[in-house]
Amino acid sequence: MAGAYALDQAQAAGSVLYVTPTATIGTLCTSWTNPCSLQAALSKAASGDEIWVAAGTYKPTSTTDRAVSFNLKSGVKIYGGFAGTETARSQRDWRTNVTILSGDIGVAGDSSDNSYHVVYAEDVDATAVLDGFEIHSGSANGSMETSQGGGMLCIDSSPSLANLVIYNNHAAVGGGLYNALESSPSLVNVTFRTNEAGYGGGIYNWENSNPILVNVIFAFNSAEVKGGGMYNGSNSAPTLVNVTFNENEAGSYGGGDFQQ
């Protein structure tokens, strides 16, 4: 009871915005019976707010603009895994109420026209939270930044990531997640599965990026060149606690983990 009370007290510090997959942009996000879209909630949310997202599939845009992502914000906590009736965050079940962030915005099943990055974080700190989602079908097959981080791209950012399954994303570098410019997110209870890249199929860490990984699984990720599970370069050294590498592949070096 004390834990649930603490959670509810934390919720009271800011507003809760409610999101369902059938909500329209014009609604108010004020309750499960008056929800809004995820992009509308992100636009409205201020520091201290929580966004509660009901089970279903969400895409960054209803258009074919591949540059649109779900952008994290410092101070805003985004939680998936709700059935759409809960009155406390502690009541959610993210395993049962599967909540999907999908980059498959174009022709269904055609990865060439998918979102470059499903989730994007720039200049955010650990108070930016993403918890309880599956992230898939990002395709960073462009140039420069749009070749990095199909599932998620972090630039000078260290968000708190938990209870995620990141799978079937593609990129030139960092198929599942790309961390650059001193990006050191915390990842707790995260699975990277069947992501593909030239370098760093699951994760690519670059330029003093030192993420902390706790209870993380890399399975069946692949890199054409190096780092099937994870690639670490340019003074990047992640901290690994209870991390499992299972059947990841690379064309040249580091099927599981490659350190430059």
C-alpha atoms as a PDB file:
ATOM      1  CA  MET A   1       0.000   0.000   0.000  1.00  0.00           C
ATOM      2  CA  ALA A   2       2.809   2.413   0.796  1.00  0.00           C
ATOM      3  CA  GLY A   3       4.255   1.941  -2.709  1.00  0.00           C
ATOM      4  CA  ALA A   4       0.921   2.608  -4.402  1.00  0.00           C
ATOM      5  CA  TYR A   5       0.405   5.670  -2.184  1.00  0.00           C
ATOM      6  CA  ALA A   6       3.816   7.018  -3.199  1.00  0.00           C
ATOM      7  CA  LEU A   7       2.988   6.523  -6.884  1.00  0.00           C
ATOM      8  CA  ASP A   8      -0.326   8.332  -6.524  1.00  0.00           C
ATOM      9  CA  GLN A   9       1.362  11.174  -4.653  1.00  0.00           C
ATOM     10  CA  ALA A  10       3.885  11.487  -7.493  1.00  0.00           C
ATOM     11  CA  GLN A  11       1.022  11.621 -10.006  1.00  0.00           C
ATOM     12  CA  ALA A  12      -0.578  14.430  -7.990  1.00  0.00           C
ATOM     13  CA  ALA A  13       2.507  16.605  -8.560  1.00  0.00           C
ATOM     14  CA  GLY A  14       1.557  16.999 -12.229  1.00  0.00           C
ATOM     15  CA  SER A  15      -1.263  16.159 -14.590  1.00  0.00           C
ATOM     16  CA  VAL A  16      -2.053  12.773 -16.084  1.00  0.00           C
ATOM     17  CA  LEU A  17      -2.826  12.811 -19.802  1.00  0.00           C
ATOM     18  CA  TYR A  18      -4.777   9.842 -21.164  1.00  0.00           C
ATOM     19  CA  VAL A  19      -4.149   8.315 -24.595  1.00  0.00           C
ATOM     20  CA  THR A  20      -6.035   5.661 -26.546  1.00  0.00           C
ATOM     21  CA  PRO A  21      -5.466   4.431 -30.109  1.00  0.00           C
ATOM     22  CA  THR A  22      -8.889   5.637 -31.298  1.00  0.00           C
ATOM     23  CA  ALA A  23      -8.682   9.159 -29.822  1.00  0.00           C
ATOM     24  CA  THR A  24      -8.739  12.210 -32.061  1.00  0.00           C
ATOM     25  CA  ILE A  25      -6.386  15.158 -31.962  1.00  0.00           C
ATOM     26  CA  GLY A  26      -9.037  17.611 -30.773  1.00  0.00           C
ATOM     27  CA  THR A  27      -9.892  15.886 -27.520  1.00  0.00           C
ATOM     28  CA  LEU A  28      -8.584  16.983 -24.136  1.00  0.00           C
ATOM     29  CA  CYS A  29      -6.531  14.058 -22.725  1.00  0.00           C
ATOM     30  CA  THR A  30      -8.308  14.510 -19.379  1.00  0.00           C
ATOM     31  CA  SER A  31      -9.659  10.981 -18.747  1.00  0.00           C
ATOM     32  CA  TRP A  32     -10.061   7.556 -20.288  1.00  0.00           C
ATOM     33  CA  THR A  33     -13.447   8.733 -21.573  1.00  0.00           C
ATOM     34  CA  ASN A  34     -11.959  11.912 -23.025  1.00  0.00           C
ATOM     35  CA  PRO A  35      -8.523  10.803 -24.255  1.00  0.00           C
ATOM     36  CA  CYS A  36      -6.321  12.208 -26.986  1.00  0.00           C
ATOM     37  CA  SER A  37      -3.733  10.952 -29.453  1.00  0.00           C
ATOM     38  CA  LEU A  38      -0.181  10.287 -28.284  1.00  0.00           C
ATOM     39  CA  GLN A  39       1.252  13.141 -30.344  1.00  0.00           C
ATOM     40  CA  ALA A  40      -1.377  15.506 -28.902  1.00  0.00           C
ATOM     41  CA  ALA A  41      -0.467  14.412 -25.377  1.00  0.00           C
ATOM     42  CA  LEU A  42       3.231  14.955 -26.058  1.00  0.00           C
ATOM     43  CA  SER A  43       2.461  18.426 -27.357  1.00  0.00           C
ATOM     44  CA  LYS A  44       0.393  19.318 -24.275  1.00  0.00           C
ATOM     45  CA  ALA A  45       2.623  17.703 -21.639  1.00  0.00           C
ATOM     46  CA  ALA A  46       4.719  19.880 -19.337  1.00  0.00           C
ATOM     47  CA  SER A  47       7.416  18.927 -16.861  1.00  0.00           C
ATOM     48  CA  GLY A  48       5.935  16.847 -14.045  1.00  0.00           C
ATOM     49  CA  ASP A  49       3.186  15.362 -16.206  1.00  0.00           C
ATOM     50  CA  GLU A  50       2.599  11.695 -16.939  1.00  0.00           C
ATOM     51  CA  ILE A  51       1.146  10.255 -20.133  1.00  0.00           C
ATOM     52  CA  TRP A  52      -0.809   7.015 -19.720  1.00  0.00           C
ATOM     53  CA  VAL A  53      -1.125   5.080 -22.970  1.00  0.00           C
ATOM     54  CA  ALA A  54      -3.700   2.336 -23.469  1.00  0.00           C
ATOM     55  CA  ALA A  55      -2.940  -0.885 -25.331  1.00  0.00           C
ATOM     56  CA  GLY A  56      -2.883  -0.646 -29.109  1.00  0.00           C
ATOM     57  CA  THR A  57      -0.669   0.511 -31.960  1.00  0.00           C
ATOM     58  CA  TYR A  58       0.529   4.093 -32.382  1.00  0.00           C
ATOM     59  CA  LYS A  59       2.387   5.584 -35.338  1.00  0.00           C
ATOM     60  CA  PRO A  60       4.291   8.886 -35.265  1.00  0.00           C
ATOM     61  CA  THR A  61       2.187  10.329 -38.084  1.00  0.00           C
ATOM     62  CA  SER A  62      -0.830   9.568 -40.220  1.00  0.00           C
ATOM     63  CA  THR A  63       1.035  11.043 -43.199  1.00  0.00           C
ATOM     64  CA  THR A  64       4.027   9.674 -45.096  1.00  0.00           C
ATOM     65  CA  ASP A  65       6.502  12.138 -43.506  1.00  0.00           C
ATOM     66  CA  ARG A  66       9.321   9.838 -42.453  1.00  0.00           C
ATOM     67  CA  ALA A  67      11.018  12.536 -40.355  1.00  0.00           C
ATOM     68  CA  VAL A  68       8.225  12.598 -37.751  1.00  0.00           C
ATOM     69  CA  SER A  69       8.960  10.697 -34.506  1.00  0.00           C
ATOM     70  CA  PHE A  70       7.642  10.451 -30.971  1.00  0.00           C
ATOM     71  CA  ASN A  71       9.852  13.042 -29.250  1.00  0.00           C
ATOM     72  CA  LEU A  72      10.691  12.599 -25.571  1.00  0.00           C
ATOM     73  CA  LYS A  73      10.639  15.562 -23.165  1.00  0.00           C
ATOM     74  CA  SER A  74      12.559  16.160 -19.955  1.00  0.00           C
ATOM     75  CA  GLY A  75      10.229  15.934 -16.983  1.00  0.00           C
ATOM     76  CA  VAL A  76       7.554  13.992 -18.890  1.00  0.00           C
ATOM     77  CA  LYS A  77       6.984  10.312 -18.109  1.00  0.00           C
ATOM     78  CA  ILE A  78       5.306   8.152 -20.751  1.00  0.00           C
ATOM     79  CA  TYR A  79       3.853   4.848 -19.593  1.00  0.00           C
ATOM     80  CA  GLY A  80       2.315   2.168 -21.793  1.00  0.00           C
ATOM     81  CA  GLY A  81       0.483  -0.967 -20.740  1.00  0.00           C
ATOM     82  CA  PHE A  82      -2.912   0.312 -19.649  1.00  0.00           C
ATOM     83  CA  ALA A  83      -6.233  -1.383 -20.327  1.00  0.00           C
ATOM     84  CA  GLY A  84      -7.970   1.999 -20.295  1.00  0.00           C
ATOM     85  CA  THR A  85      -9.794   1.787 -16.956  1.00  0.00           C
ATOM     86  CA  GLU A  86      -7.007   2.268 -14.389  1.00  0.00           C
ATOM     87  CA  THR A  87      -7.077   4.955 -11.719  1.00  0.00           C
ATOM     88  CA  ALA A  88      -3.500   4.383 -10.502  1.00  0.00           C
ATOM     89  CA  ARG A  89      -0.323   3.712 -12.436  1.00  0.00           C
ATOM     90  CA  SER A  90       0.378   0.683 -10.260  1.00  0.00           C
ATOM     91  CA  GLN A  91      -2.661  -1.054 -11.788  1.00  0.00           C
ATOM     92  CA  ARG A  92      -1.227  -1.255 -15.301  1.00  0.00           C
ATOM     93  CA  ASP A  93       0.129  -4.486 -16.825  1.00  0.00           C
ATOM     94  CA  TRP A  94       2.455  -3.713 -19.718  1.00  0.00           C
ATOM     95  CA  ARG A  95       2.988  -7.384 -20.559  1.00  0.00           C
ATOM     96  CA  THR A  96      -0.728  -8.089 -21.003  1.00  0.00           C
ATOM     97  CA  ASN A  97      -1.799  -4.732 -22.423  1.00  0.00           C
ATOM     98  CA  VAL A  98       0.679  -4.599 -25.284  1.00  0.00           C
ATOM     99  CA  THR A  99       1.324  -1.022 -26.370  1.00  0.00           C
ATOM    100  CA  ILE A 100       3.160  -0.620 -29.677  1.00  0.00           C
ATOM    101  CA  LEU A 101       5.030   2.300 -31.215  1.00  0.00           C
ATOM    102  CA  SER A 102       5.325   1.449 -34.891  1.00  0.00           C
ATOM    103  CA  GLY A 103       7.241   3.168 -37.668  1.00  0.00           C
ATOM    104  CA  ASP A 104       5.299   1.381 -40.421  1.00  0.00           C
ATOM    105  CA  ILE A 105       3.673   4.570 -41.721  1.00  0.00           C
ATOM    106  CA  GLY A 106       3.770   3.897 -45.460  1.00  0.00           C
ATOM    107  CA  VAL A 107       2.943   0.770 -47.395  1.00  0.00           C
ATOM    108  CA  ALA A 108       2.279  -1.915 -44.807  1.00  0.00           C
ATOM    109  CA  GLY A 109       5.198  -4.312 -44.517  1.00  0.00           C
ATOM    110  CA  ASP A 110       7.468  -2.213 -46.776  1.00  0.00           C
ATOM    111  CA  SER A 111      10.338  -0.967 -44.600  1.00  0.00           C
ATOM    112  CA  SER A 112      11.729   1.386 -47.263  1.00  0.00           C
ATOM    113  CA  ASP A 113       9.100   4.056 -46.494  1.00  0.00           C
ATOM    114  CA  ASN A 114       8.950   3.707 -42.703  1.00  0.00           C
ATOM    115  CA  SER A 115       9.747   6.375 -40.101  1.00  0.00           C
ATOM    116  CA  TYR A 116      13.463   7.100 -39.883  1.00  0.00           C
ATOM    117  CA  HIS A 117      13.256   6.969 -36.052  1.00  0.00           C
ATOM    118  CA  VAL A 118      10.202   5.764 -34.159  1.00  0.00           C
ATOM    119  CA  VAL A 119      11.357   7.544 -30.977  1.00  0.00           C
ATOM    120  CA  TYR A 120      13.666  10.572 -30.821  1.00  0.00           C
ATOM    121  CA  ALA A 121      15.427  12.189 -27.869  1.00  0.00           C
ATOM    122  CA  GLU A 122      17.543  15.335 -28.099  1.00  0.00           C
ATOM    123  CA  ASP A 123      18.889  17.268 -25.096  1.00  0.00           C
ATOM    124  CA  VAL A 124      16.757  15.397 -22.574  1.00  0.00           C
ATOM    125  CA  ASP A 125      17.827  14.094 -19.162  1.00  0.00           C
ATOM    126  CA  ALA A 126      16.875  11.170 -16.929  1.00  0.00           C
ATOM    127  CA  THR A 127      13.526  12.767 -16.048  1.00  0.00           C
ATOM    128  CA  ALA A 128      12.352  11.854 -19.557  1.00  0.00           C
ATOM    129  CA  VAL A 129      10.813   8.393 -19.090  1.00  0.00           C
ATOM    130  CA  LEU A 130       9.612   5.830 -21.625  1.00  0.00           C
ATOM    131  CA  ASP A 131       8.263   2.689 -19.962  1.00  0.00           C
ATOM    132  CA  GLY A 132       6.122  -0.229 -21.105  1.00  0.00           C
ATOM    133  CA  PHE A 133       6.226  -0.282 -24.920  1.00  0.00           C
ATOM    134  CA  GLU A 134       7.167  -2.340 -27.935  1.00  0.00           C
ATOM    135  CA  ILE A 135       9.050  -0.318 -30.567  1.00  0.00           C
ATOM    136  CA  HIS A 136       9.360  -1.663 -34.086  1.00  0.00           C
ATOM    137  CA  SER A 137       9.609  -0.957 -37.822  1.00  0.00           C
ATOM    138  CA  GLY A 138      11.843   2.100 -37.742  1.00  0.00           C
ATOM    139  CA  SER A 139      14.020   2.336 -40.855  1.00  0.00           C
ATOM    140  CA  ALA A 140      16.919   4.802 -40.786  1.00  0.00           C
ATOM    141  CA  ASN A 141      17.961   4.285 -44.394  1.00  0.00           C
ATOM    142  CA  GLY A 142      18.650   7.929 -45.211  1.00  0.00           C
ATOM    143  CA  SER A 143      21.843   9.956 -44.880  1.00  0.00           C
ATOM    144  CA  MET A 144      23.614  11.514 -41.889  1.00  0.00           C
ATOM    145  CA  GLU A 145      21.202  11.572 -38.902  1.00  0.00           C
ATOM    146  CA  THR A 146      18.475   9.757 -40.814  1.00  0.00           C
ATOM    147  CA  SER A 147      20.809   6.768 -41.138  1.00  0.00           C
ATOM    148  CA  GLN A 148      21.054   6.381 -37.347  1.00  0.00           C
ATOM    149  CA  GLY A 149      18.780   4.674 -34.834  1.00  0.00           C
ATOM    150  CA  GLY A 150      15.799   3.094 -36.529  1.00  0.00           C
ATOM    151  CA  GLY A 151      14.019   2.244 -33.295  1.00  0.00           C
ATOM    152  CA  MET A 152      15.298   5.192 -31.282  1.00  0.00           C
ATOM    153  CA  LEU A 153      17.857   7.965 -31.686  1.00  0.00           C
ATOM    154  CA  CYS A 154      19.425   9.732 -28.690  1.00  0.00           C
ATOM    155  CA  ILE A 155      21.442  12.899 -29.261  1.00  0.00           C
ATOM    156  CA  ASP A 156      23.072  14.389 -26.145  1.00  0.00           C
ATOM    157  CA  SER A 157      20.359  12.664 -24.130  1.00  0.00           C
ATOM    158  CA  SER A 158      20.094  10.303 -21.180  1.00  0.00           C
ATOM    159  CA  PRO A 159      16.441   9.290 -20.803  1.00  0.00           C
ATOM    160  CA  SER A 160      15.172   6.537 -18.505  1.00  0.00           C
ATOM    161  CA  LEU A 161      14.052   3.546 -20.582  1.00  0.00           C
ATOM    162  CA  ALA A 162      12.337   0.562 -18.986  1.00  0.00           C
ATOM    163  CA  ASN A 163      10.168  -2.425 -19.834  1.00  0.00           C
ATOM    164  CA  LEU A 164      10.697  -2.156 -23.582  1.00  0.00           C
ATOM    165  CA  VAL A 165      10.914  -4.609 -26.453  1.00  0.00           C
ATOM    166  CA  ILE A 166      12.763  -3.060 -29.397  1.00  0.00           C
ATOM    167  CA  TYR A 167      12.591  -5.239 -32.492  1.00  0.00           C
ATOM    168  CA  ASN A 168      12.594  -5.363 -36.297  1.00  0.00           C
ATOM    169  CA  ASN A 169      14.217  -1.957 -36.748  1.00  0.00           C
ATOM    170  CA  HIS A 170      16.810  -1.125 -39.419  1.00  0.00           C
ATOM    171  CA  ALA A 171      19.567   1.478 -39.806  1.00  0.00           C
ATOM    172  CA  ALA A 172      22.994   2.027 -41.271  1.00  0.00           C
ATOM    173  CA  VAL A 173      24.194   2.354 -37.655  1.00  0.00           C
ATOM    174  CA  GLY A 174      22.287   1.409 -34.515  1.00  0.00           C
ATOM    175  CA  GLY A 175      19.344  -0.585 -35.764  1.00  0.00           C
ATOM    176  CA  GLY A 176      17.502  -0.637 -32.433  1.00  0.00           C
ATOM    177  CA  LEU A 177      19.096   2.339 -30.650  1.00  0.00           C
ATOM    178  CA  TYR A 178      21.775   4.895 -31.515  1.00  0.00           C
ATOM    179  CA  ASN A 179      23.402   6.904 -28.702  1.00  0.00           C
ATOM    180  CA  ALA A 180      25.642   9.826 -29.664  1.00  0.00           C
ATOM    181  CA  LEU A 181      27.263  12.960 -28.204  1.00  0.00           C
ATOM    182  CA  GLU A 182      27.417  11.925 -24.546  1.00  0.00           C
ATOM    183  CA  SER A 183      24.102  10.093 -24.547  1.00  0.00           C
ATOM    184  CA  SER A 184      23.962   7.764 -21.561  1.00  0.00           C
ATOM    185  CA  PRO A 185      20.414   6.500 -21.089  1.00  0.00           C
ATOM    186  CA  SER A 186      19.534   3.952 -18.439  1.00  0.00           C
ATOM    187  CA  LEU A 187      17.939   0.775 -19.799  1.00  0.00           C
ATOM    188  CA  VAL A 188      16.197  -1.567 -17.361  1.00  0.00           C
ATOM    189  CA  ASN A 189      14.392  -4.712 -18.466  1.00  0.00           C
ATOM    190  CA  VAL A 190      14.795  -4.078 -22.189  1.00  0.00           C
ATOM    191  CA  THR A 191      14.984  -6.617 -25.019  1.00  0.00           C
ATOM    192  CA  PHE A 192      16.604  -5.951 -28.401  1.00  0.00           C
ATOM    193  CA  ARG A 193      15.482  -8.545 -30.928  1.00  0.00           C
ATOM    194  CA  THR A 194      15.948  -9.016 -34.696  1.00  0.00           C
ATOM    195  CA  ASN A 195      17.225  -5.501 -35.329  1.00  0.00           C
ATOM    196  CA  GLU A 196      19.608  -4.964 -38.275  1.00  0.00           C
ATOM    197  CA  ALA A 197      22.299  -2.438 -39.165  1.00  0.00           C
ATOM    198  CA  GLY A 198      25.624  -2.078 -40.890  1.00  0.00           C
ATOM    199  CA  TYR A 199      27.192  -1.437 -37.485  1.00  0.00           C
ATOM    200  CA  GLY A 200      25.510  -2.120 -34.136  1.00  0.00           C
ATOM    201  CA  GLY A 201      22.429  -4.154 -34.919  1.00  0.00           C
ATOM    202  CA  GLY A 202      20.945  -3.709 -31.438  1.00  0.00           C
ATOM    203  CA  ILE A 203      22.751  -0.613 -30.092  1.00  0.00           C
ATOM    204  CA  TYR A 204      25.435   1.724 -31.417  1.00  0.00           C
ATOM    205  CA  ASN A 205      27.203   3.910 -28.831  1.00  0.00           C
ATOM    206  CA  TRP A 206      29.322   6.803 -30.093  1.00  0.00           C
ATOM    207  CA  GLU A 207      31.211   9.867 -28.841  1.00  0.00           C
ATOM    208  CA  ASN A 208      31.427   9.419 -25.065  1.00  0.00           C
ATOM    209  CA  SER A 209      28.101   7.646 -24.746  1.00  0.00           C
ATOM    210  CA  ASN A 210      28.001   5.393 -21.699  1.00  0.00           C
ATOM    211  CA  PRO A 211      24.544   3.873 -21.186  1.00  0.00           C
ATOM    212  CA  ILE A 212      23.739   1.722 -18.157  1.00  0.00           C
ATOM    213  CA  LEU A 213      22.127  -1.604 -19.065  1.00  0.00           C
ATOM    214  CA  VAL A 214      20.399  -3.682 -16.381  1.00  0.00           C
ATOM    215  CA  ASN A 215      18.512  -6.885 -17.216  1.00  0.00           C
ATOM    216  CA  VAL A 216      18.900  -6.394 -20.956  1.00  0.00           C
ATOM    217  CA  ILE A 217      18.695  -9.088 -23.640  1.00  0.00           C
ATOM    218  CA  PHE A 218      20.199  -8.949 -27.137  1.00  0.00           C
ATOM    219  CA  ALA A 219      18.819 -11.762 -29.292  1.00  0.00           C
ATOM    220  CA  PHE A 220      19.022 -12.442 -33.033  1.00  0.00           C
ATOM    221  CA  ASN A 221      20.272  -8.968 -33.945  1.00  0.00           C
ATOM    222  CA  SER A 222      22.662  -8.618 -36.874  1.00  0.00           C
ATOM    223  CA  ALA A 223      25.251  -6.251 -38.321  1.00  0.00           C
ATOM    224  CA  GLU A 224      26.625  -6.426 -41.828  1.00  0.00           C
ATOM    225  CA  VAL A 225      30.068  -5.414 -40.547  1.00  0.00           C
ATOM    226  CA  LYS A 226      30.602  -5.116 -36.771  1.00  0.00           C
ATOM    227  CA  GLY A 227      28.662  -5.422 -33.530  1.00  0.00           C
ATOM    228  CA  GLY A 228      25.649  -7.609 -34.117  1.00  0.00           C
ATOM    229  CA  GLY A 229      24.308  -6.996 -30.622  1.00  0.00           C
ATOM    230  CA  MET A 230      26.134  -3.775 -29.712  1.00  0.00           C
ATOM    231  CA  TYR A 231      28.890  -1.547 -31.094  1.00  0.00           C
ATOM    232  CA  ASN A 232      30.919   0.781 -28.841  1.00  0.00           C
ATOM    233  CA  GLY A 233      33.187   3.425 -30.330  1.00  0.00           C
ATOM    234  CA  SER A 234      34.815   6.813 -29.768  1.00  0.00           C
ATOM    235  CA  ASN A 235      35.354   6.618 -25.990  1.00  0.00           C
ATOM    236  CA  SER A 236      32.061   4.894 -25.269  1.00  0.00           C
ATOM    237  CA  ALA A 237      31.914   2.257 -22.538  1.00  0.00           C
ATOM    238  CA  PRO A 238      28.517   1.040 -21.343  1.00  0.00           C
ATOM    239  CA  THR A 239      27.936  -0.478 -17.912  1.00  0.00           C
ATOM    240  CA  LEU A 240      26.417  -3.980 -18.157  1.00  0.00           C
ATOM    241  CA  VAL A 241      24.542  -5.683 -15.310  1.00  0.00           C
ATOM    242  CA  ASN A 242      22.877  -9.013 -16.053  1.00  0.00           C
ATOM    243  CA  VAL A 243      23.039  -8.579 -19.831  1.00  0.00           C
ATOM    244  CA  THR A 244      22.527 -11.560 -22.143  1.00  0.00           C
ATOM    245  CA  PHE A 245      23.745 -11.916 -25.745  1.00  0.00           C
ATOM    246  CA  ASN A 246      22.043 -14.719 -27.645  1.00  0.00           C
ATOM    247  CA  GLU A 247      22.647 -15.629 -31.315  1.00  0.00           C
ATOM    248  CA  ASN A 248      23.600 -12.191 -32.607  1.00  0.00           C
ATOM    249  CA  GLU A 249      25.633 -12.057 -35.811  1.00  0.00           C
ATOM    250  CA  ALA A 250      28.126  -9.756 -37.527  1.00  0.00           C
ATOM    251  CA  GLY A 251      29.768  -9.982 -40.927  1.00  0.00           C
ATOM    252  CA  SER A 252      33.276  -9.169 -39.693  1.00  0.00           C
ATOM    253  CA  TYR A 253      33.730  -8.751 -35.920  1.00  0.00           C
ATOM    254  CA  GLY A 254      31.738  -8.842 -32.713  1.00  0.00           C
ATOM    255  CA  GLY A 255      28.642 -10.923 -33.216  1.00  0.00           C
ATOM    256  CA  GLY A 256      27.552 -10.038 -29.698  1.00  0.00           C
ATOM    257  CA  ASP A 257      29.506  -6.934 -28.651  1.00  0.00           C
ATOM    258  CA  PHE A 258      32.227  -4.968 -30.457  1.00  0.00           C
ATOM    259  CA  GLN A 259      34.484  -2.445 -28.698  1.00  0.00           C
ATOM    260  CA  GLN A 260      36.430  -0.140 -30.988  1.00  0.00           C
END
